[in-house]
Amino acid sequence: MNKDLSYLIKNKLGEDPNFNPARNRAIVESTIKATELNIKKRRKVFDDAIDERAEALASYLMHLKANKSAGVERYFGRKLLAQLRGDEIKERLMGAYATQKQ
């Protein structure tokens, strides 16, 4: 007989004698709270990053409107532009890692 099936039959078709509904409920509630906190934290980090990029873009557009100069790289400089791109890539990787980890 299959080992799993014999265990189920022996334990009244899956009833675990050590199962505690109160403990199970507490674990589920704890997990939900931790998940909600993680979501709030990740949303704040995401919003902060979006705000930074939006401010940078707005300042560039205002500069274009006033001076009509060309070149994003010339306005921001190579280092800042690379940092903004790197931040975006890092966020994508961290998001992919977080979803893979769950």
C-alpha atoms as a PDB file:
ATOM      1  CA  MET A   1       0.000   0.000   0.000  1.00  0.00           C
ATOM      2  CA  ASN A   2       1.162   3.528  -0.727  1.00  0.00           C
ATOM      3  CA  LYS A   3       2.917   5.120   2.273  1.00  0.00           C
ATOM      4  CA  ASP A   4       0.899   8.338   2.017  1.00  0.00           C
ATOM      5  CA  LEU A   5      -2.400   6.497   1.696  1.00  0.00           C
ATOM      6  CA  SER A   6      -1.653   4.295   4.691  1.00  0.00           C
ATOM      7  CA  TYR A   7      -0.826   7.411   6.731  1.00  0.00           C
ATOM      8  CA  LEU A   8      -4.151   8.986   5.761  1.00  0.00           C
ATOM      9  CA  ILE A   9      -6.100   5.871   6.646  1.00  0.00           C
ATOM     10  CA  LYS A  10      -4.229   5.497   9.930  1.00  0.00           C
ATOM     11  CA  ASN A  11      -4.868   9.134  10.834  1.00  0.00           C
ATOM     12  CA  LYS A  12      -8.578   9.220   9.934  1.00  0.00           C
ATOM     13  CA  LEU A  13      -8.086  10.458   6.394  1.00  0.00           C
ATOM     14  CA  GLY A  14      -5.803  13.358   7.141  1.00  0.00           C
ATOM     15  CA  GLU A  15      -6.858  14.460  10.601  1.00  0.00           C
ATOM     16  CA  ASP A  16      -3.704  15.460  12.432  1.00  0.00           C
ATOM     17  CA  PRO A  17      -3.867  14.751  16.173  1.00  0.00           C
ATOM     18  CA  ASN A  18      -1.441  17.639  16.819  1.00  0.00           C
ATOM     19  CA  PHE A  19      -3.426  20.200  14.804  1.00  0.00           C
ATOM     20  CA  ASN A  20      -4.337  23.275  16.813  1.00  0.00           C
ATOM     21  CA  PRO A  21      -6.863  25.597  15.132  1.00  0.00           C
ATOM     22  CA  ALA A  22      -5.961  28.563  17.372  1.00  0.00           C
ATOM     23  CA  ARG A  23      -2.255  28.226  16.569  1.00  0.00           C
ATOM     24  CA  ASN A  24      -3.038  27.844  12.877  1.00  0.00           C
ATOM     25  CA  ARG A  25      -5.193  31.000  12.948  1.00  0.00           C
ATOM     26  CA  ALA A  26      -2.412  32.914  14.741  1.00  0.00           C
ATOM     27  CA  ILE A  27       0.147  31.828  12.139  1.00  0.00           C
ATOM     28  CA  VAL A  28      -2.131  32.863   9.270  1.00  0.00           C
ATOM     29  CA  GLU A  29      -2.822  36.270  10.862  1.00  0.00           C
ATOM     30  CA  SER A  30       0.892  36.783  11.535  1.00  0.00           C
ATOM     31  CA  THR A  31       1.730  35.948   7.933  1.00  0.00           C
ATOM     32  CA  ILE A  32      -0.922  38.341   6.629  1.00  0.00           C
ATOM     33  CA  LYS A  33       0.393  41.176   8.823  1.00  0.00           C
ATOM     34  CA  ALA A  34       3.987  40.550   7.726  1.00  0.00           C
ATOM     35  CA  THR A  35       2.924  40.508   4.076  1.00  0.00           C
ATOM     36  CA  GLU A  36       0.981  43.759   4.428  1.00  0.00           C
ATOM     37  CA  LEU A  37       3.990  45.443   6.072  1.00  0.00           C
ATOM     38  CA  ASN A  38       6.256  44.208   3.283  1.00  0.00           C
ATOM     39  CA  ILE A  39       3.855  45.524   0.643  1.00  0.00           C
ATOM     40  CA  LYS A  40       3.712  48.955   2.336  1.00  0.00           C
ATOM     41  CA  LYS A  41       7.507  49.084   2.582  1.00  0.00           C
ATOM     42  CA  ARG A  42       8.033  48.107  -1.058  1.00  0.00           C
ATOM     43  CA  ARG A  43       5.364  50.575  -2.219  1.00  0.00           C
ATOM     44  CA  LYS A  44       7.079  53.414  -0.313  1.00  0.00           C
ATOM     45  CA  VAL A  45      10.460  52.561  -1.849  1.00  0.00           C
ATOM     46  CA  PHE A  46       8.878  52.400  -5.292  1.00  0.00           C
ATOM     47  CA  ASP A  47       7.023  55.691  -4.815  1.00  0.00           C
ATOM     48  CA  ASP A  48      10.196  57.420  -3.612  1.00  0.00           C
ATOM     49  CA  ALA A  49      12.079  56.200  -6.669  1.00  0.00           C
ATOM     50  CA  ILE A  50       9.292  57.348  -8.973  1.00  0.00           C
ATOM     51  CA  ASP A  51       9.231  60.761  -7.274  1.00  0.00           C
ATOM     52  CA  GLU A  52      12.973  61.175  -7.788  1.00  0.00           C
ATOM     53  CA  ARG A  53      12.738  60.284 -11.470  1.00  0.00           C
ATOM     54  CA  ALA A  54       9.670  62.467 -11.986  1.00  0.00           C
ATOM     55  CA  GLU A  55      11.399  65.464 -10.419  1.00  0.00           C
ATOM     56  CA  ALA A  56      14.471  64.915 -12.587  1.00  0.00           C
ATOM     57  CA  LEU A  57      12.339  64.640 -15.711  1.00  0.00           C
ATOM     58  CA  ALA A  58      10.310  67.736 -14.807  1.00  0.00           C
ATOM     59  CA  SER A  59      13.444  69.798 -14.242  1.00  0.00           C
ATOM     60  CA  TYR A  60      14.854  68.615 -17.584  1.00  0.00           C
ATOM     61  CA  LEU A  61      11.639  69.497 -19.402  1.00  0.00           C
ATOM     62  CA  MET A  62      11.573  72.952 -17.812  1.00  0.00           C
ATOM     63  CA  HIS A  63      15.176  73.427 -18.894  1.00  0.00           C
ATOM     64  CA  LEU A  64      14.285  72.384 -22.437  1.00  0.00           C
ATOM     65  CA  LYS A  65      11.367  74.776 -22.473  1.00  0.00           C
ATOM     66  CA  ALA A  66      13.534  77.680 -21.328  1.00  0.00           C
ATOM     67  CA  ASN A  67      16.789  77.009 -23.175  1.00  0.00           C
ATOM     68  CA  LYS A  68      15.877  74.597 -25.941  1.00  0.00           C
ATOM     69  CA  SER A  69      19.142  72.754 -25.439  1.00  0.00           C
ATOM     70  CA  ALA A  70      19.435  69.174 -26.573  1.00  0.00           C
ATOM     71  CA  GLY A  71      20.813  66.103 -24.948  1.00  0.00           C
ATOM     72  CA  VAL A  72      19.673  64.385 -21.792  1.00  0.00           C
ATOM     73  CA  GLU A  73      23.210  63.230 -21.116  1.00  0.00           C
ATOM     74  CA  ARG A  74      24.502  66.766 -21.407  1.00  0.00           C
ATOM     75  CA  TYR A  75      21.893  68.113 -18.960  1.00  0.00           C
ATOM     76  CA  PHE A  76      22.145  65.426 -16.268  1.00  0.00           C
ATOM     77  CA  GLY A  77      25.712  64.368 -16.825  1.00  0.00           C
ATOM     78  CA  ARG A  78      26.878  60.843 -17.414  1.00  0.00           C
ATOM     79  CA  LYS A  79      27.169  59.911 -13.748  1.00  0.00           C
ATOM     80  CA  LEU A  80      23.666  60.962 -12.699  1.00  0.00           C
ATOM     81  CA  LEU A  81      22.108  59.465 -15.809  1.00  0.00           C
ATOM     82  CA  ALA A  82      23.942  56.187 -15.176  1.00  0.00           C
ATOM     83  CA  GLN A  83      22.803  56.256 -11.540  1.00  0.00           C
ATOM     84  CA  LEU A  84      19.159  56.748 -12.548  1.00  0.00           C
ATOM     85  CA  ARG A  85      19.404  53.894 -15.038  1.00  0.00           C
ATOM     86  CA  GLY A  86      21.177  51.725 -12.468  1.00  0.00           C
ATOM     87  CA  ASP A  87      18.490  52.425  -9.881  1.00  0.00           C
ATOM     88  CA  GLU A  88      15.816  51.367 -12.347  1.00  0.00           C
ATOM     89  CA  ILE A  89      17.655  48.133 -13.175  1.00  0.00           C
ATOM     90  CA  LYS A  90      18.243  47.421  -9.484  1.00  0.00           C
ATOM     91  CA  GLU A  91      14.529  47.854  -8.734  1.00  0.00           C
ATOM     92  CA  ARG A  92      13.599  45.465 -11.527  1.00  0.00           C
ATOM     93  CA  LEU A  93      16.052  42.858 -10.281  1.00  0.00           C
ATOM     94  CA  MET A  94      14.934  43.214  -6.664  1.00  0.00           C
ATOM     95  CA  GLY A  95      11.295  42.917  -7.710  1.00  0.00           C
ATOM     96  CA  ALA A  96      12.055  39.792  -9.734  1.00  0.00           C
ATOM     97  CA  TYR A  97      14.030  38.340  -6.821  1.00  0.00           C
ATOM     98  CA  ALA A  98      11.223  39.098  -4.355  1.00  0.00           C
ATOM     99  CA  THR A  99       8.578  37.422  -6.529  1.00  0.00           C
ATOM    100  CA  GLN A 100      10.874  34.454  -7.125  1.00  0.00           C
ATOM    101  CA  LYS A 101      11.548  34.120  -3.406  1.00  0.00           C
ATOM    102  CA  GLN A 102       7.833  33.882  -2.543  1.00  0.00           C
END
